[in-house]
């Protein structure tokens, strides 16, 4: 129950930050943006203190650790793969254009 209250409070703080943006319409834009960012920051901090927030933080940490384990392709491999994809797209576009033109010709001959 306490976690639900924390999550509700976090959402209310974010909404309050957005409402502050509109409430401070007569003030400088820096104050309005600060209201939104402040609401987001405090809301995130409150959410982080809840059980789902802690679970999300743990998940994010594990995701970063897994990302560091990935063997990323080299620049040369990336460019070669991209070139192959572009070449395939061009070949398929030409093939579909030829099929479309052929079907158009066939339908025109059939209708006339």
C-alpha atoms as a PDB file:
ATOM      1  CA  UNK A   1       0.000   0.000   0.000  1.00  0.00           C
ATOM      2  CA  UNK A   2       2.842   2.374   0.809  1.00  0.00           C
ATOM      3  CA  UNK A   3       4.319   1.811  -2.650  1.00  0.00           C
ATOM      4  CA  UNK A   4       1.039   2.735  -4.313  1.00  0.00           C
ATOM      5  CA  UNK A   5       0.955   5.955  -2.298  1.00  0.00           C
ATOM      6  CA  UNK A   6       4.550   6.732  -3.322  1.00  0.00           C
ATOM      7  CA  UNK A   7       3.765   6.107  -6.987  1.00  0.00           C
ATOM      8  CA  UNK A   8       0.638   8.266  -6.776  1.00  0.00           C
ATOM      9  CA  UNK A   9       2.649  11.006  -5.045  1.00  0.00           C
ATOM     10  CA  UNK A  10       5.335  10.794  -7.739  1.00  0.00           C
ATOM     11  CA  UNK A  11       2.723  11.182 -10.476  1.00  0.00           C
ATOM     12  CA  UNK A  12       1.108  14.067  -8.582  1.00  0.00           C
ATOM     13  CA  UNK A  13       4.475  15.838  -8.333  1.00  0.00           C
ATOM     14  CA  UNK A  14       5.046  15.484 -12.079  1.00  0.00           C
ATOM     15  CA  UNK A  15       1.557  16.836 -12.764  1.00  0.00           C
ATOM     16  CA  UNK A  16       2.219  19.676 -10.300  1.00  0.00           C
ATOM     17  CA  UNK A  17       5.413  20.542 -12.197  1.00  0.00           C
ATOM     18  CA  UNK A  18       3.515  20.695 -15.484  1.00  0.00           C
ATOM     19  CA  UNK A  19       0.741  22.718 -13.851  1.00  0.00           C
ATOM     20  CA  UNK A  20       3.394  25.060 -12.470  1.00  0.00           C
ATOM     21  CA  UNK A  21       4.570  25.660 -16.023  1.00  0.00           C
ATOM     22  CA  UNK A  22       1.158  27.035 -16.928  1.00  0.00           C
ATOM     23  CA  UNK A  23       0.594  28.766 -13.585  1.00  0.00           C
ATOM     24  CA  UNK A  24       3.852  30.703 -13.989  1.00  0.00           C
ATOM     25  CA  UNK A  25       2.846  31.916 -17.450  1.00  0.00           C
ATOM     26  CA  UNK A  26       3.681  35.529 -16.635  1.00  0.00           C
ATOM     27  CA  UNK A  27       7.213  34.761 -15.435  1.00  0.00           C
ATOM     28  CA  UNK A  28      10.384  34.157 -17.430  1.00  0.00           C
ATOM     29  CA  UNK A  29      10.618  30.886 -19.351  1.00  0.00           C
ATOM     30  CA  UNK A  30      13.525  29.728 -17.173  1.00  0.00           C
ATOM     31  CA  UNK A  31      11.243  29.632 -14.122  1.00  0.00           C
ATOM     32  CA  UNK A  32       8.550  27.783 -16.035  1.00  0.00           C
ATOM     33  CA  UNK A  33      11.000  25.160 -17.303  1.00  0.00           C
ATOM     34  CA  UNK A  34      12.507  24.885 -13.818  1.00  0.00           C
ATOM     35  CA  UNK A  35       9.038  24.104 -12.447  1.00  0.00           C
ATOM     36  CA  UNK A  36       8.624  21.230 -14.893  1.00  0.00           C
ATOM     37  CA  UNK A  37      12.142  19.886 -14.344  1.00  0.00           C
ATOM     38  CA  UNK A  38      11.764  20.225 -10.584  1.00  0.00           C
ATOM     39  CA  UNK A  39       8.473  18.320 -10.645  1.00  0.00           C
ATOM     40  CA  UNK A  40      10.053  15.591 -12.767  1.00  0.00           C
ATOM     41  CA  UNK A  41      13.137  15.366 -10.542  1.00  0.00           C
ATOM     42  CA  UNK A  42      11.225  15.221  -7.256  1.00  0.00           C
ATOM     43  CA  UNK A  43       8.678  12.812  -8.757  1.00  0.00           C
ATOM     44  CA  UNK A  44      11.484  10.562  -9.990  1.00  0.00           C
ATOM     45  CA  UNK A  45      13.146  10.665  -6.572  1.00  0.00           C
ATOM     46  CA  UNK A  46       9.907   9.673  -4.834  1.00  0.00           C
ATOM     47  CA  UNK A  47       9.311   6.891  -7.388  1.00  0.00           C
ATOM     48  CA  UNK A  48      12.873   5.663  -6.886  1.00  0.00           C
ATOM     49  CA  UNK A  49      12.130   5.121  -3.172  1.00  0.00           C
ATOM     50  CA  UNK A  50       9.269   2.720  -3.955  1.00  0.00           C
ATOM     51  CA  UNK A  51       9.733  -1.020  -4.548  1.00  0.00           C
ATOM     52  CA  UNK A  52       8.919  -0.786  -8.285  1.00  0.00           C
ATOM     53  CA  UNK A  53      11.369   2.121  -8.550  1.00  0.00           C
ATOM     54  CA  UNK A  54      14.114   0.065  -6.918  1.00  0.00           C
ATOM     55  CA  UNK A  55      13.311  -2.857  -9.231  1.00  0.00           C
ATOM     56  CA  UNK A  56      13.520  -0.547 -12.238  1.00  0.00           C
ATOM     57  CA  UNK A  57      16.861   0.834 -11.028  1.00  0.00           C
ATOM     58  CA  UNK A  58      18.225  -2.697 -10.633  1.00  0.00           C
ATOM     59  CA  UNK A  59      16.954  -3.627 -14.105  1.00  0.00           C
ATOM     60  CA  UNK A  60      18.618  -0.532 -15.586  1.00  0.00           C
ATOM     61  CA  UNK A  61      21.933  -1.369 -13.886  1.00  0.00           C
ATOM     62  CA  UNK A  62      21.792  -4.947 -15.182  1.00  0.00           C
ATOM     63  CA  UNK A  63      20.974  -3.671 -18.673  1.00  0.00           C
ATOM     64  CA  UNK A  64      24.030  -1.422 -18.664  1.00  0.00           C
ATOM     65  CA  UNK A  65      26.185  -4.343 -17.508  1.00  0.00           C
ATOM     66  CA  UNK A  66      24.814  -6.547 -20.322  1.00  0.00           C
ATOM     67  CA  UNK A  67      25.389  -3.786 -22.874  1.00  0.00           C
ATOM     68  CA  UNK A  68      29.048  -3.655 -21.876  1.00  0.00           C
ATOM     69  CA  UNK A  69      29.335  -7.394 -22.667  1.00  0.00           C
ATOM     70  CA  UNK A  70      28.150  -6.967 -26.261  1.00  0.00           C
ATOM     71  CA  UNK A  71      30.804  -7.279 -28.957  1.00  0.00           C
ATOM     72  CA  UNK A  72      29.946  -4.384 -31.239  1.00  0.00           C
ATOM     73  CA  UNK A  73      30.844  -4.571 -34.947  1.00  0.00           C
ATOM     74  CA  UNK A  74      33.762  -2.585 -36.259  1.00  0.00           C
ATOM     75  CA  UNK A  75      33.266   0.465 -38.441  1.00  0.00           C
ATOM     76  CA  UNK A  76      34.253  -1.537 -41.527  1.00  0.00           C
ATOM     77  CA  UNK A  77      31.741  -4.313 -40.756  1.00  0.00           C
ATOM     78  CA  UNK A  78      28.995  -1.757 -40.144  1.00  0.00           C
ATOM     79  CA  UNK A  79      29.644   0.051 -43.428  1.00  0.00           C
ATOM     80  CA  UNK A  80      29.760  -3.235 -45.366  1.00  0.00           C
ATOM     81  CA  UNK A  81      26.501  -4.438 -43.856  1.00  0.00           C
ATOM     82  CA  UNK A  82      24.842  -1.087 -44.522  1.00  0.00           C
ATOM     83  CA  UNK A  83      26.044  -1.176 -48.132  1.00  0.00           C
ATOM     84  CA  UNK A  84      24.606  -4.655 -48.619  1.00  0.00           C
ATOM     85  CA  UNK A  85      21.264  -3.558 -47.191  1.00  0.00           C
ATOM     86  CA  UNK A  86      21.126  -0.510 -49.481  1.00  0.00           C
ATOM     87  CA  UNK A  87      22.055  -2.617 -52.517  1.00  0.00           C
ATOM     88  CA  UNK A  88      19.316  -5.117 -51.662  1.00  0.00           C
ATOM     89  CA  UNK A  89      16.780  -2.313 -51.278  1.00  0.00           C
ATOM     90  CA  UNK A  90      17.708  -0.909 -54.701  1.00  0.00           C
ATOM     91  CA  UNK A  91      17.469  -4.359 -56.344  1.00  0.00           C
ATOM     92  CA  UNK A  92      14.077  -5.007 -54.722  1.00  0.00           C
ATOM     93  CA  UNK A  93      12.815  -1.571 -55.730  1.00  0.00           C
ATOM     94  CA  UNK A  94      13.806  -2.217 -59.342  1.00  0.00           C
ATOM     95  CA  UNK A  95      12.233  -5.675 -59.272  1.00  0.00           C
ATOM     96  CA  UNK A  96       8.958  -4.368 -57.849  1.00  0.00           C
ATOM     97  CA  UNK A  97       8.944  -1.500 -60.359  1.00  0.00           C
ATOM     98  CA  UNK A  98       9.389  -3.975 -63.230  1.00  0.00           C
ATOM     99  CA  UNK A  99       6.626  -6.243 -61.862  1.00  0.00           C
ATOM    100  CA  UNK A 100       4.315  -3.243 -61.398  1.00  0.00           C
ATOM    101  CA  UNK A 101       5.011  -1.956 -64.907  1.00  0.00           C
ATOM    102  CA  UNK A 102       4.459  -5.437 -66.326  1.00  0.00           C
ATOM    103  CA  UNK A 103       1.142  -5.840 -64.519  1.00  0.00           C
ATOM    104  CA  UNK A 104       0.075  -2.359 -65.640  1.00  0.00           C
ATOM    105  CA  UNK A 105       0.907  -3.231 -69.255  1.00  0.00           C
ATOM    106  CA  UNK A 106      -0.951  -6.563 -68.943  1.00  0.00           C
ATOM    107  CA  UNK A 107      -4.074  -4.940 -67.455  1.00  0.00           C
ATOM    108  CA  UNK A 108      -4.050  -2.215 -70.127  1.00  0.00           C
ATOM    109  CA  UNK A 109      -3.826  -4.849 -72.893  1.00  0.00           C
ATOM    110  CA  UNK A 110      -6.560  -6.864 -71.218  1.00  0.00           C
ATOM    111  CA  UNK A 111      -8.888  -3.840 -70.924  1.00  0.00           C
ATOM    112  CA  UNK A 112      -8.411  -2.549 -74.478  1.00  0.00           C
END
